[in-house]
C-alpha atoms as a PDB file:
ATOM      1  CA  MET A   1      60.268 101.145 -61.178  1.00  0.00           C
ATOM      2  CA  LEU A   2      61.861 100.219 -57.873  1.00  0.00           C
ATOM      3  CA  ALA A   3      63.859 103.451 -57.797  1.00  0.00           C
ATOM      4  CA  TYR A   4      60.599 105.467 -57.879  1.00  0.00           C
ATOM      5  CA  LEU A   5      59.195 103.188 -54.920  1.00  0.00           C
ATOM      6  CA  ASN A   6      62.306 103.985 -52.880  1.00  0.00           C
ATOM      7  CA  VAL A   7      61.847 107.717 -53.596  1.00  0.00           C
ATOM      8  CA  ALA A   8      58.058 107.630 -52.651  1.00  0.00           C
ATOM      9  CA  LEU A   9      58.778 105.709 -49.418  1.00  0.00           C
ATOM     10  CA  THR A  10      61.407 108.221 -48.501  1.00  0.00           C
ATOM     11  CA  TYR A  11      59.074 110.957 -48.834  1.00  0.00           C
ATOM     12  CA  VAL A  12      56.492 109.170 -46.797  1.00  0.00           C
ATOM     13  CA  ALA A  13      58.922 108.227 -44.075  1.00  0.00           C
ATOM     14  CA  VAL A  14      60.073 111.973 -43.902  1.00  0.00           C
ATOM     15  CA  ALA A  15      56.473 113.097 -43.703  1.00  0.00           C
ATOM     16  CA  LEU A  16      55.650 110.566 -41.089  1.00  0.00           C
ATOM     17  CA  GLY A  17      58.529 111.634 -38.890  1.00  0.00           C
ATOM     18  CA  CYS A  18      57.604 115.320 -39.213  1.00  0.00           C
ATOM     19  CA  ALA A  19      53.974 114.558 -38.422  1.00  0.00           C
ATOM     20  CA  ILE A  20      54.958 112.593 -35.247  1.00  0.00           C
ATOM     21  CA  LEU A  21      57.391 115.443 -34.275  1.00  0.00           C
ATOM     22  CA  MET A  22      54.905 118.170 -34.667  1.00  0.00           C
ATOM     23  CA  PHE A  23      51.723 116.382 -33.381  1.00  0.00           C
ATOM     24  CA  TYR A  24      53.074 114.208 -30.534  1.00  0.00           C
ATOM     25  CA  VAL A  25      56.277 115.769 -29.446  1.00  0.00           C
ATOM     26  CA  ALA A  26      55.718 119.500 -30.084  1.00  0.00           C
ATOM     27  CA  ARG A  27      52.026 118.951 -29.311  1.00  0.00           C
ATOM     28  CA  ARG A  28      50.928 121.507 -31.855  1.00  0.00           C
ATOM     29  CA  PRO A  29      47.178 121.598 -32.527  1.00  0.00           C
ATOM     30  CA  VAL A  30      46.590 120.652 -36.174  1.00  0.00           C
ATOM     31  CA  PRO A  31      43.294 120.441 -38.138  1.00  0.00           C
ATOM     32  CA  GLY A  32      42.623 116.753 -38.895  1.00  0.00           C
ATOM     33  CA  HIS A  33      44.720 115.923 -35.876  1.00  0.00           C
ATOM     34  CA  PHE A  34      47.455 113.353 -36.843  1.00  0.00           C
ATOM     35  CA  TRP A  35      46.159 112.543 -40.244  1.00  0.00           C
ATOM     36  CA  GLY A  36      45.983 116.257 -41.187  1.00  0.00           C
ATOM     37  CA  ALA A  37      49.588 116.644 -40.124  1.00  0.00           C
ATOM     38  CA  LEU A  38      50.750 113.568 -42.106  1.00  0.00           C
ATOM     39  CA  THR A  39      48.879 114.848 -45.199  1.00  0.00           C
ATOM     40  CA  VAL A  40      50.235 118.299 -45.038  1.00  0.00           C
ATOM     41  CA  GLY A  41      53.643 116.846 -44.140  1.00  0.00           C
ATOM     42  CA  LEU A  42      53.693 114.681 -47.174  1.00  0.00           C
ATOM     43  CA  ILE A  43      52.678 117.613 -49.485  1.00  0.00           C
ATOM     44  CA  GLY A  44      55.354 119.601 -47.783  1.00  0.00           C
ATOM     45  CA  ALA A  45      58.020 116.884 -48.307  1.00  0.00           C
ATOM     46  CA  VAL A  46      57.210 116.642 -52.075  1.00  0.00           C
ATOM     47  CA  LEU A  47      57.327 120.445 -52.250  1.00  0.00           C
ATOM     48  CA  GLY A  48      60.705 120.313 -50.588  1.00  0.00           C
ATOM     49  CA  GLY A  49      61.804 117.770 -53.093  1.00  0.00           C
ATOM     50  CA  ILE A  50      60.816 120.100 -55.963  1.00  0.00           C
ATOM     51  CA  ALA A  51      62.578 123.030 -54.289  1.00  0.00           C
ATOM     52  CA  ASP A  52      65.688 120.839 -54.162  1.00  0.00           C
ATOM     53  CA  GLN A  53      65.553 120.445 -57.913  1.00  0.00           C
ATOM     54  CA  PHE A  54      65.623 124.177 -58.358  1.00  0.00           C
ATOM     55  CA  LEU A  55      68.019 125.039 -55.621  1.00  0.00           C
ATOM     56  CA  ALA A  56      70.442 122.053 -56.097  1.00  0.00           C
ATOM     57  CA  ASP A  57      73.441 124.224 -55.579  1.00  0.00           C
ATOM     58  CA  VAL A  58      72.395 125.397 -52.184  1.00  0.00           C
ATOM     59  CA  PHE A  59      71.559 121.826 -51.016  1.00  0.00           C
ATOM     60  CA  GLU A  60      74.521 120.185 -52.739  1.00  0.00           C
ATOM     61  CA  ARG A  61      76.430 119.435 -49.562  1.00  0.00           C
ATOM     62  CA  LEU A  62      73.403 118.146 -47.545  1.00  0.00           C
ATOM     63  CA  ALA A  63      72.784 114.462 -47.088  1.00  0.00           C
ATOM     64  CA  ASP A  64      70.757 112.542 -49.740  1.00  0.00           C
ATOM     65  CA  VAL A  65      69.001 109.245 -49.118  1.00  0.00           C
ATOM     66  CA  ASN A  66      67.440 107.368 -52.126  1.00  0.00           C
ATOM     67  CA  THR A  67      68.031 110.427 -54.227  1.00  0.00           C
ATOM     68  CA  VAL A  68      65.812 112.544 -51.869  1.00  0.00           C
ATOM     69  CA  ASN A  69      67.351 115.505 -49.993  1.00  0.00           C
ATOM     70  CA  LEU A  70      66.362 114.988 -46.486  1.00  0.00           C
ATOM     71  CA  PHE A  71      66.923 118.544 -45.470  1.00  0.00           C
ATOM     72  CA  ALA A  72      64.770 120.016 -48.091  1.00  0.00           C
ATOM     73  CA  ALA A  73      61.990 117.455 -47.589  1.00  0.00           C
ATOM     74  CA  ALA A  74      61.978 117.643 -43.865  1.00  0.00           C
ATOM     75  CA  GLY A  75      62.272 121.291 -43.685  1.00  0.00           C
ATOM     76  CA  THR A  76      59.423 122.123 -46.038  1.00  0.00           C
ATOM     77  CA  SER A  77      57.222 119.409 -44.398  1.00  0.00           C
ATOM     78  CA  LEU A  78      57.773 120.825 -40.947  1.00  0.00           C
ATOM     79  CA  LEU A  79      57.116 124.438 -42.423  1.00  0.00           C
ATOM     80  CA  CYS A  80      53.854 123.333 -43.927  1.00  0.00           C
ATOM     81  CA  ILE A  81      52.572 121.479 -40.758  1.00  0.00           C
ATOM     82  CA  TRP A  82      53.602 124.609 -38.692  1.00  0.00           C
ATOM     83  CA  LEU A  83      51.691 126.970 -41.013  1.00  0.00           C
ATOM     84  CA  LEU A  84      48.693 124.563 -40.872  1.00  0.00           C
ATOM     85  CA  SER A  85      48.756 124.547 -36.994  1.00  0.00           C
ATOM     86  CA  ARG A  86      48.981 128.322 -36.951  1.00  0.00           C
ATOM     87  CA  THR A  87      45.995 128.833 -39.220  1.00  0.00           C
ATOM     88  CA  GLY A  88      43.808 126.057 -38.161  1.00  0.00           C
ATOM     89  CA  HIS A  89      42.935 126.727 -34.493  1.00  0.00           C
ATOM     90  CA  PRO A  90      42.123 130.268 -33.207  1.00  0.00           C
ATOM     91  CA  LYS A  91      43.491 130.904 -29.720  1.00  0.00           C
END
């Protein structure tokens, strides 16, 4: 049970870091502002974890923390937030 909590907290931490990076550092306009970025970042982090299950050979040498591949989770989370920022606000 504690292992699942560690995995969930790792996904939340990755999504939080990506949301802070995209919303405050890169200053991307995101629908829902910070909370929208965090929600989409969390969805992206989980999708990245699922992608890691299917592409384990590709991600084999990348760092794992609490059985979560940080590269897959962070990369997909950033991609999802970026896509949301591109579609959410017309220029």
